[in-house]
Amino acid sequence: MHVAAVASGLAPNIWVAQQHKICDYSWKIDFGKLLAFAGGKDEEIGRAVLYGSRPPPNDSLWDAAKRKGFEPIVHDRSQSGGEKKIDTNIATDIVFDALKLVDRKHDEITLVAGDSDYVPTVEKLIGDGFAFHVVFWDHAARELREACTRFTSLNAHLDYLRL
């Protein structure tokens, strides 16, 4: 919603949108389109996972993602309300899945995230012969964009990904 806020003129750039929590609340992501865009054809997707903090009971996001083919993994927030265990769970699952599910010669691991915390995982897996594709908005960490074997920006696909 921050990228949509910039695209619609509500914020001058992504940094201002994020810092001042400026969002275009009319923009919602279509998880089915994201899955198709980032993962390819259904038969090509080994596992699609959506990680996050436990939503309120009336939040339909996780059910929508599940209906579109994602496996939701949810963690409780910390006492102070911050996200806990998410990035570590993602990195751990990527490595575990790489070793159990991925054929290095033919498959590609795709991460839809932009945090530089994933750089060590990406670098180690690439160093071990895996192809690693990162899909995220233009403001993904430079280190992550440089570490992966392929980076795809979602910015140009904002309208396509709209629900």
N, C-alpha and C. Protein backbone atom coordinates (compact mmCIF):
# COMPACT_ATOMS: atom_id res chain seq x y z
N MET A 1 0.81 -1.20 0.00
CA MET A 1 0.00 0.00 0.00
C MET A 1 0.86 1.27 0.00
N HIS A 2 2.12 1.14 0.48
CA HIS A 2 3.03 2.29 0.43
C HIS A 2 3.40 2.61 -1.02
N VAL A 3 3.72 1.58 -1.79
CA VAL A 3 4.08 1.78 -3.20
C VAL A 3 2.89 2.37 -3.95
N ALA A 4 1.71 1.87 -3.67
CA ALA A 4 0.50 2.41 -4.31
C ALA A 4 0.27 3.86 -3.91
N ALA A 5 0.61 4.22 -2.67
CA ALA A 5 0.47 5.61 -2.21
C ALA A 5 1.38 6.53 -3.02
N VAL A 6 2.60 6.08 -3.29
CA VAL A 6 3.53 6.87 -4.10
C VAL A 6 3.00 6.97 -5.53
N ALA A 7 2.56 5.84 -6.08
CA ALA A 7 2.05 5.82 -7.47
C ALA A 7 0.83 6.73 -7.65
N SER A 8 0.02 6.83 -6.60
CA SER A 8 -1.20 7.66 -6.72
C SER A 8 -0.98 9.10 -6.26
N GLY A 9 0.26 9.45 -5.88
CA GLY A 9 0.58 10.83 -5.52
C GLY A 9 0.30 11.19 -4.07
N LEU A 10 -0.01 10.21 -3.23
CA LEU A 10 -0.26 10.50 -1.81
C LEU A 10 1.03 10.77 -1.04
N ALA A 11 2.15 10.26 -1.57
CA ALA A 11 3.46 10.47 -0.95
C ALA A 11 4.47 10.74 -2.06
N PRO A 12 5.49 11.57 -1.80
CA PRO A 12 6.46 11.90 -2.85
C PRO A 12 7.41 10.76 -3.20
N ASN A 13 7.65 9.87 -2.23
CA ASN A 13 8.54 8.73 -2.48
C ASN A 13 8.27 7.65 -1.44
N ILE A 14 8.86 6.49 -1.66
CA ILE A 14 8.59 5.34 -0.80
C ILE A 14 9.10 5.56 0.62
N TRP A 15 10.19 6.29 0.77
CA TRP A 15 10.77 6.50 2.10
C TRP A 15 9.84 7.35 2.95
N VAL A 16 9.26 8.40 2.37
CA VAL A 16 8.30 9.24 3.09
C VAL A 16 7.05 8.43 3.40
N ALA A 17 6.58 7.65 2.44
CA ALA A 17 5.38 6.82 2.66
C ALA A 17 5.58 5.86 3.82
N GLN A 18 6.73 5.22 3.88
CA GLN A 18 6.99 4.28 4.97
C GLN A 18 7.18 5.00 6.30
N GLN A 19 7.98 6.04 6.31
CA GLN A 19 8.28 6.74 7.55
C GLN A 19 7.03 7.36 8.16
N HIS A 20 6.15 7.90 7.33
CA HIS A 20 4.95 8.58 7.82
C HIS A 20 3.70 7.70 7.74
N LYS A 21 3.93 6.42 7.42
CA LYS A 21 2.83 5.45 7.35
C LYS A 21 1.70 5.92 6.41
N ILE A 22 2.11 6.40 5.24
CA ILE A 22 1.17 6.86 4.23
C ILE A 22 0.85 5.67 3.32
N CYS A 23 -0.40 5.29 3.28
CA CYS A 23 -0.83 4.12 2.50
C CYS A 23 -1.99 4.48 1.59
N ASP A 24 -2.10 3.79 0.49
CA ASP A 24 -3.28 3.87 -0.37
C ASP A 24 -4.14 2.68 0.05
N TYR A 25 -5.11 2.93 0.91
CA TYR A 25 -5.93 1.86 1.47
C TYR A 25 -6.91 1.28 0.46
N SER A 26 -7.02 1.91 -0.71
CA SER A 26 -7.88 1.35 -1.75
C SER A 26 -7.18 0.22 -2.50
N TRP A 27 -5.85 0.11 -2.32
CA TRP A 27 -5.07 -0.91 -3.02
C TRP A 27 -4.92 -2.13 -2.12
N LYS A 28 -5.33 -3.27 -2.64
CA LYS A 28 -5.17 -4.56 -1.94
C LYS A 28 -4.52 -5.52 -2.92
N ILE A 29 -3.68 -6.40 -2.39
CA ILE A 29 -2.97 -7.34 -3.26
C ILE A 29 -3.83 -8.57 -3.55
N ASP A 30 -3.75 -9.05 -4.77
CA ASP A 30 -4.41 -10.29 -5.18
C ASP A 30 -3.37 -11.40 -5.04
N PHE A 31 -3.53 -12.25 -4.03
CA PHE A 31 -2.53 -13.28 -3.76
C PHE A 31 -2.44 -14.31 -4.87
N GLY A 32 -3.52 -14.57 -5.54
CA GLY A 32 -3.47 -15.50 -6.67
C GLY A 32 -2.59 -14.96 -7.78
N LYS A 33 -2.72 -13.66 -8.06
CA LYS A 33 -1.88 -13.04 -9.09
C LYS A 33 -0.41 -13.00 -8.64
N LEU A 34 -0.18 -12.72 -7.35
CA LEU A 34 1.19 -12.72 -6.85
C LEU A 34 1.82 -14.10 -6.97
N LEU A 35 1.05 -15.12 -6.62
CA LEU A 35 1.55 -16.49 -6.71
C LEU A 35 1.89 -16.84 -8.15
N ALA A 36 1.01 -16.49 -9.08
CA ALA A 36 1.25 -16.78 -10.49
C ALA A 36 2.44 -15.98 -11.01
N PHE A 37 2.54 -14.73 -10.60
CA PHE A 37 3.61 -13.86 -11.06
C PHE A 37 4.97 -14.32 -10.54
N ALA A 38 5.05 -14.58 -9.25
CA ALA A 38 6.34 -14.91 -8.63
C ALA A 38 6.70 -16.39 -8.78
N GLY A 39 5.69 -17.26 -8.79
CA GLY A 39 5.97 -18.68 -8.76
C GLY A 39 5.84 -19.41 -10.08
N GLY A 40 5.13 -18.83 -11.00
CA GLY A 40 4.94 -19.50 -12.28
C GLY A 40 3.68 -20.35 -12.29
N LYS A 41 3.68 -21.36 -13.13
CA LYS A 41 2.52 -22.24 -13.26
C LYS A 41 2.37 -23.10 -12.01
N ASP A 42 1.13 -23.48 -11.72
CA ASP A 42 0.85 -24.28 -10.52
C ASP A 42 1.74 -25.50 -10.41
N GLU A 43 1.94 -26.18 -11.53
CA GLU A 43 2.73 -27.42 -11.49
C GLU A 43 4.22 -27.16 -11.25
N GLU A 44 4.64 -25.89 -11.38
CA GLU A 44 6.04 -25.54 -11.15
C GLU A 44 6.32 -25.13 -9.70
N ILE A 45 5.27 -24.92 -8.93
CA ILE A 45 5.43 -24.43 -7.56
C ILE A 45 5.50 -25.61 -6.60
N GLY A 46 6.64 -25.75 -5.94
CA GLY A 46 6.81 -26.82 -4.97
C GLY A 46 6.14 -26.51 -3.66
N ARG A 47 6.28 -25.27 -3.22
CA ARG A 47 5.70 -24.84 -1.95
C ARG A 47 5.59 -23.32 -1.97
N ALA A 48 4.44 -22.80 -1.61
CA ALA A 48 4.23 -21.35 -1.51
C ALA A 48 3.75 -21.07 -0.09
N VAL A 49 4.51 -20.24 0.62
CA VAL A 49 4.23 -20.00 2.03
C VAL A 49 4.10 -18.51 2.28
N LEU A 50 3.13 -18.15 3.10
CA LEU A 50 2.95 -16.76 3.53
C LEU A 50 3.17 -16.73 5.03
N TYR A 51 4.15 -15.95 5.48
CA TYR A 51 4.50 -15.85 6.88
C TYR A 51 4.02 -14.52 7.44
N GLY A 52 3.62 -14.52 8.70
CA GLY A 52 3.24 -13.26 9.32
C GLY A 52 2.81 -13.43 10.76
N SER A 53 2.43 -12.30 11.35
CA SER A 53 1.97 -12.29 12.73
C SER A 53 0.48 -12.59 12.78
N ARG A 54 0.06 -13.14 13.91
CA ARG A 54 -1.33 -13.54 14.08
C ARG A 54 -2.24 -12.34 13.87
N PRO A 55 -3.17 -12.47 12.93
CA PRO A 55 -4.10 -11.37 12.65
C PRO A 55 -5.27 -11.39 13.63
N PRO A 56 -6.03 -10.31 13.66
CA PRO A 56 -7.25 -10.32 14.47
C PRO A 56 -8.22 -11.37 13.91
N PRO A 57 -9.13 -11.88 14.72
CA PRO A 57 -10.05 -12.94 14.27
C PRO A 57 -10.88 -12.58 13.03
N ASN A 58 -11.17 -11.30 12.83
CA ASN A 58 -12.01 -10.90 11.70
C ASN A 58 -11.21 -10.59 10.43
N ASP A 59 -9.90 -10.82 10.45
CA ASP A 59 -9.04 -10.53 9.30
C ASP A 59 -9.16 -11.65 8.28
N SER A 60 -9.50 -11.31 7.05
CA SER A 60 -9.71 -12.32 6.00
C SER A 60 -8.47 -12.55 5.14
N LEU A 61 -7.39 -11.81 5.39
CA LEU A 61 -6.18 -11.90 4.57
C LEU A 61 -5.64 -13.32 4.49
N TRP A 62 -5.52 -13.98 5.61
CA TRP A 62 -4.90 -15.30 5.65
C TRP A 62 -5.77 -16.34 4.96
N ASP A 63 -7.08 -16.24 5.13
CA ASP A 63 -7.98 -17.17 4.43
C ASP A 63 -7.90 -16.96 2.92
N ALA A 64 -7.82 -15.71 2.51
CA ALA A 64 -7.71 -15.42 1.07
C ALA A 64 -6.42 -15.99 0.51
N ALA A 65 -5.33 -15.81 1.23
CA ALA A 65 -4.04 -16.34 0.78
C ALA A 65 -4.09 -17.86 0.70
N LYS A 66 -4.72 -18.48 1.67
CA LYS A 66 -4.82 -19.96 1.68
C LYS A 66 -5.64 -20.44 0.48
N ARG A 67 -6.74 -19.75 0.18
CA ARG A 67 -7.57 -20.13 -0.97
C ARG A 67 -6.79 -19.99 -2.29
N LYS A 68 -5.83 -19.08 -2.33
CA LYS A 68 -5.05 -18.84 -3.54
C LYS A 68 -3.83 -19.75 -3.64
N GLY A 69 -3.64 -20.65 -2.67
CA GLY A 69 -2.57 -21.63 -2.79
C GLY A 69 -1.40 -21.46 -1.84
N PHE A 70 -1.46 -20.47 -0.96
CA PHE A 70 -0.39 -20.28 0.00
C PHE A 70 -0.63 -21.11 1.26
N GLU A 71 0.44 -21.58 1.85
CA GLU A 71 0.41 -22.22 3.15
C GLU A 71 0.70 -21.11 4.17
N PRO A 72 -0.28 -20.75 5.01
CA PRO A 72 -0.02 -19.69 5.97
C PRO A 72 0.71 -20.21 7.21
N ILE A 73 1.75 -19.48 7.62
CA ILE A 73 2.47 -19.77 8.86
C ILE A 73 2.41 -18.50 9.69
N VAL A 74 1.76 -18.62 10.84
CA VAL A 74 1.46 -17.46 11.67
C VAL A 74 2.12 -17.61 13.03
N HIS A 75 2.70 -16.51 13.50
CA HIS A 75 3.32 -16.47 14.83
C HIS A 75 2.67 -15.37 15.66
N ASP A 76 2.63 -15.59 16.97
CA ASP A 76 2.13 -14.56 17.87
C ASP A 76 3.12 -13.42 17.95
N ARG A 77 2.61 -12.22 18.17
CA ARG A 77 3.46 -11.04 18.33
C ARG A 77 4.11 -11.08 19.72
N SER A 78 5.17 -10.29 19.88
CA SER A 78 5.83 -10.18 21.18
C SER A 78 4.93 -9.41 22.15
N GLN A 79 5.32 -9.36 23.40
CA GLN A 79 4.56 -8.63 24.42
C GLN A 79 4.39 -7.16 24.03
N SER A 80 5.40 -6.60 23.36
CA SER A 80 5.35 -5.19 22.96
C SER A 80 4.63 -4.97 21.62
N GLY A 81 4.16 -6.05 21.00
CA GLY A 81 3.42 -5.94 19.76
C GLY A 81 4.24 -6.11 18.50
N GLY A 82 5.54 -6.35 18.63
CA GLY A 82 6.40 -6.50 17.46
C GLY A 82 6.35 -7.91 16.89
N GLU A 83 6.74 -8.02 15.62
CA GLU A 83 6.79 -9.34 14.99
C GLU A 83 7.95 -10.13 15.56
N LYS A 84 7.74 -11.39 15.81
CA LYS A 84 8.77 -12.28 16.34
C LYS A 84 8.79 -13.54 15.50
N LYS A 85 9.97 -14.06 15.26
CA LYS A 85 10.20 -15.36 14.63
C LYS A 85 9.95 -15.41 13.14
N ILE A 86 9.46 -14.36 12.52
CA ILE A 86 9.07 -14.42 11.11
C ILE A 86 10.29 -14.61 10.20
N ASP A 87 11.24 -13.68 10.24
CA ASP A 87 12.41 -13.76 9.35
C ASP A 87 13.21 -15.03 9.59
N THR A 88 13.37 -15.41 10.85
CA THR A 88 14.12 -16.63 11.17
C THR A 88 13.40 -17.85 10.63
N ASN A 89 12.08 -17.88 10.76
CA ASN A 89 11.30 -19.00 10.24
C ASN A 89 11.43 -19.09 8.72
N ILE A 90 11.37 -17.95 8.05
CA ILE A 90 11.49 -17.93 6.59
C ILE A 90 12.86 -18.47 6.17
N ALA A 91 13.93 -17.93 6.76
CA ALA A 91 15.29 -18.36 6.39
C ALA A 91 15.49 -19.85 6.67
N THR A 92 15.00 -20.31 7.80
CA THR A 92 15.12 -21.73 8.15
C THR A 92 14.38 -22.60 7.16
N ASP A 93 13.15 -22.23 6.83
CA ASP A 93 12.36 -23.01 5.88
C ASP A 93 12.97 -23.01 4.48
N ILE A 94 13.54 -21.88 4.08
CA ILE A 94 14.18 -21.83 2.76
C ILE A 94 15.31 -22.85 2.69
N VAL A 95 16.15 -22.88 3.71
CA VAL A 95 17.27 -23.82 3.72
C VAL A 95 16.76 -25.26 3.79
N PHE A 96 15.81 -25.52 4.67
CA PHE A 96 15.25 -26.86 4.82
C PHE A 96 14.61 -27.32 3.51
N ASP A 97 13.81 -26.46 2.89
CA ASP A 97 13.16 -26.81 1.62
C ASP A 97 14.18 -26.99 0.51
N ALA A 98 15.24 -26.17 0.50
CA ALA A 98 16.29 -26.31 -0.52
C ALA A 98 16.90 -27.70 -0.45
N LEU A 99 17.13 -28.17 0.75
CA LEU A 99 17.76 -29.47 0.92
C LEU A 99 16.81 -30.63 0.66
N LYS A 100 15.52 -30.44 0.91
CA LYS A 100 14.54 -31.53 0.80
C LYS A 100 13.74 -31.53 -0.51
N LEU A 101 13.46 -30.34 -1.06
CA LEU A 101 12.51 -30.24 -2.18
C LEU A 101 13.11 -29.77 -3.50
N VAL A 102 14.18 -29.03 -3.45
CA VAL A 102 14.67 -28.32 -4.64
C VAL A 102 15.73 -29.13 -5.38
N ASP A 103 15.55 -29.21 -6.69
CA ASP A 103 16.55 -29.81 -7.58
C ASP A 103 17.42 -28.65 -8.08
N ARG A 104 18.66 -28.59 -7.61
CA ARG A 104 19.57 -27.47 -7.94
C ARG A 104 19.75 -27.26 -9.43
N LYS A 105 19.67 -28.34 -10.20
CA LYS A 105 19.92 -28.22 -11.64
C LYS A 105 18.74 -27.64 -12.40
N HIS A 106 17.52 -27.79 -11.87
CA HIS A 106 16.34 -27.40 -12.64
C HIS A 106 15.42 -26.40 -11.93
N ASP A 107 15.50 -26.32 -10.61
CA ASP A 107 14.57 -25.49 -9.85
C ASP A 107 15.19 -24.17 -9.43
N GLU A 108 14.32 -23.28 -9.02
CA GLU A 108 14.73 -21.97 -8.54
C GLU A 108 13.97 -21.69 -7.26
N ILE A 109 14.64 -21.14 -6.28
CA ILE A 109 14.00 -20.70 -5.04
C ILE A 109 13.58 -19.25 -5.26
N THR A 110 12.34 -18.93 -4.91
CA THR A 110 11.85 -17.56 -5.06
C THR A 110 11.44 -17.03 -3.71
N LEU A 111 11.94 -15.87 -3.37
CA LEU A 111 11.60 -15.18 -2.13
C LEU A 111 10.93 -13.87 -2.49
N VAL A 112 9.75 -13.64 -1.92
CA VAL A 112 9.07 -12.36 -2.11
C VAL A 112 9.26 -11.58 -0.81
N ALA A 113 10.37 -10.87 -0.75
CA ALA A 113 10.74 -10.07 0.42
C ALA A 113 11.89 -9.18 0.00
N GLY A 114 12.14 -8.14 0.79
CA GLY A 114 13.19 -7.21 0.40
C GLY A 114 14.18 -6.88 1.50
N ASP A 115 14.17 -7.64 2.57
CA ASP A 115 14.98 -7.36 3.74
C ASP A 115 16.39 -7.91 3.58
N SER A 116 17.38 -7.14 3.95
CA SER A 116 18.77 -7.59 3.84
C SER A 116 19.10 -8.72 4.82
N ASP A 117 18.23 -8.99 5.77
CA ASP A 117 18.46 -10.11 6.70
C ASP A 117 18.57 -11.44 5.96
N TYR A 118 18.03 -11.52 4.75
CA TYR A 118 18.06 -12.77 3.99
C TYR A 118 19.35 -12.96 3.20
N VAL A 119 20.19 -11.95 3.15
CA VAL A 119 21.41 -12.02 2.33
C VAL A 119 22.29 -13.22 2.68
N PRO A 120 22.59 -13.51 3.96
CA PRO A 120 23.44 -14.68 4.24
C PRO A 120 22.84 -15.99 3.72
N THR A 121 21.54 -16.17 3.86
CA THR A 121 20.88 -17.38 3.36
C THR A 121 21.00 -17.45 1.85
N VAL A 122 20.71 -16.34 1.17
CA VAL A 122 20.78 -16.29 -0.29
C VAL A 122 22.20 -16.60 -0.76
N GLU A 123 23.19 -15.95 -0.15
CA GLU A 123 24.57 -16.15 -0.58
C GLU A 123 25.04 -17.59 -0.37
N LYS A 124 24.69 -18.18 0.75
CA LYS A 124 25.12 -19.56 1.02
C LYS A 124 24.47 -20.54 0.06
N LEU A 125 23.19 -20.36 -0.23
CA LEU A 125 22.51 -21.27 -1.15
C LEU A 125 23.03 -21.10 -2.57
N ILE A 126 23.26 -19.88 -3.01
CA ILE A 126 23.83 -19.66 -4.34
C ILE A 126 25.22 -20.27 -4.41
N GLY A 127 25.99 -20.10 -3.35
CA GLY A 127 27.32 -20.69 -3.30
C GLY A 127 27.30 -22.20 -3.36
N ASP A 128 26.16 -22.79 -2.97
CA ASP A 128 26.02 -24.25 -3.00
C ASP A 128 25.31 -24.73 -4.28
N GLY A 129 25.13 -23.81 -5.25
CA GLY A 129 24.62 -24.22 -6.55
C GLY A 129 23.14 -24.00 -6.79
N PHE A 130 22.45 -23.32 -5.89
CA PHE A 130 21.01 -23.05 -6.08
C PHE A 130 20.81 -21.73 -6.82
N ALA A 131 19.77 -21.66 -7.64
CA ALA A 131 19.36 -20.40 -8.26
C ALA A 131 18.37 -19.73 -7.30
N PHE A 132 18.55 -18.43 -7.08
CA PHE A 132 17.74 -17.73 -6.09
C PHE A 132 17.17 -16.46 -6.69
N HIS A 133 15.86 -16.43 -6.82
CA HIS A 133 15.13 -15.32 -7.42
C HIS A 133 14.47 -14.52 -6.30
N VAL A 134 14.66 -13.21 -6.30
CA VAL A 134 13.99 -12.34 -5.35
C VAL A 134 13.00 -11.48 -6.12
N VAL A 135 11.78 -11.43 -5.61
CA VAL A 135 10.71 -10.63 -6.19
C VAL A 135 10.26 -9.66 -5.11
N PHE A 136 10.35 -8.36 -5.38
CA PHE A 136 9.92 -7.38 -4.39
C PHE A 136 9.80 -6.02 -5.07
N TRP A 137 9.41 -5.04 -4.30
CA TRP A 137 9.28 -3.67 -4.78
C TRP A 137 10.67 -3.09 -5.00
N ASP A 138 10.75 -1.98 -5.72
CA ASP A 138 12.03 -1.34 -6.03
C ASP A 138 12.87 -1.03 -4.80
N HIS A 139 12.24 -0.81 -3.67
CA HIS A 139 12.99 -0.41 -2.48
C HIS A 139 13.56 -1.60 -1.70
N ALA A 140 13.63 -2.77 -2.32
CA ALA A 140 14.30 -3.91 -1.70
C ALA A 140 15.74 -3.52 -1.38
N ALA A 141 16.28 -4.09 -0.33
CA ALA A 141 17.66 -3.78 0.06
C ALA A 141 18.62 -4.04 -1.09
N ARG A 142 19.49 -3.09 -1.34
CA ARG A 142 20.48 -3.20 -2.40
C ARG A 142 21.29 -4.48 -2.25
N GLU A 143 21.69 -4.82 -1.02
CA GLU A 143 22.50 -6.01 -0.79
C GLU A 143 21.77 -7.28 -1.21
N LEU A 144 20.48 -7.32 -0.99
CA LEU A 144 19.69 -8.49 -1.38
C LEU A 144 19.55 -8.57 -2.89
N ARG A 145 19.29 -7.44 -3.53
CA ARG A 145 19.19 -7.42 -5.00
C ARG A 145 20.49 -7.87 -5.64
N GLU A 146 21.62 -7.48 -5.04
CA GLU A 146 22.92 -7.86 -5.60
C GLU A 146 23.29 -9.31 -5.29
N ALA A 147 22.79 -9.84 -4.19
CA ALA A 147 23.15 -11.20 -3.77
C ALA A 147 22.43 -12.28 -4.58
N CYS A 148 21.21 -12.02 -5.00
CA CYS A 148 20.41 -13.05 -5.66
C CYS A 148 20.88 -13.28 -7.11
N THR A 149 20.45 -14.38 -7.69
CA THR A 149 20.80 -14.65 -9.09
C THR A 149 19.90 -13.88 -10.05
N ARG A 150 18.70 -13.50 -9.55
CA ARG A 150 17.77 -12.74 -10.38
C ARG A 150 16.86 -11.92 -9.48
N PHE A 151 16.62 -10.66 -9.85
CA PHE A 151 15.71 -9.79 -9.10
C PHE A 151 14.63 -9.30 -10.03
N THR A 152 13.37 -9.36 -9.58
CA THR A 152 12.25 -8.84 -10.35
C THR A 152 11.51 -7.83 -9.49
N SER A 153 11.35 -6.64 -10.00
CA SER A 153 10.62 -5.59 -9.28
C SER A 153 9.11 -5.74 -9.51
N LEU A 154 8.36 -5.55 -8.45
CA LEU A 154 6.91 -5.59 -8.55
C LEU A 154 6.31 -4.22 -8.93
N ASN A 155 7.10 -3.15 -8.84
CA ASN A 155 6.56 -1.81 -9.06
C ASN A 155 5.83 -1.66 -10.39
N ALA A 156 6.41 -2.20 -11.44
CA ALA A 156 5.80 -2.07 -12.76
C ALA A 156 4.51 -2.90 -12.88
N HIS A 157 4.25 -3.75 -11.91
CA HIS A 157 3.10 -4.65 -11.96
C HIS A 157 2.06 -4.31 -10.90
N LEU A 158 2.13 -3.11 -10.37
CA LEU A 158 1.23 -2.68 -9.31
C LEU A 158 -0.24 -2.85 -9.71
N ASP A 159 -0.60 -2.41 -10.90
CA ASP A 159 -2.00 -2.54 -11.34
C ASP A 159 -2.40 -4.00 -11.53
N TYR A 160 -1.51 -4.80 -12.10
CA TYR A 160 -1.80 -6.22 -12.32
C TYR A 160 -2.05 -6.92 -10.98
N LEU A 161 -1.27 -6.59 -9.97
CA LEU A 161 -1.36 -7.28 -8.67
C LEU A 161 -2.52 -6.79 -7.80
N ARG A 162 -3.23 -5.78 -8.27
CA ARG A 162 -4.36 -5.23 -7.50
C ARG A 162 -5.52 -6.23 -7.47
N LEU A 163 -6.10 -6.36 -6.30
CA LEU A 163 -7.29 -7.22 -6.14
C LEU A 163 -8.48 -6.55 -6.77
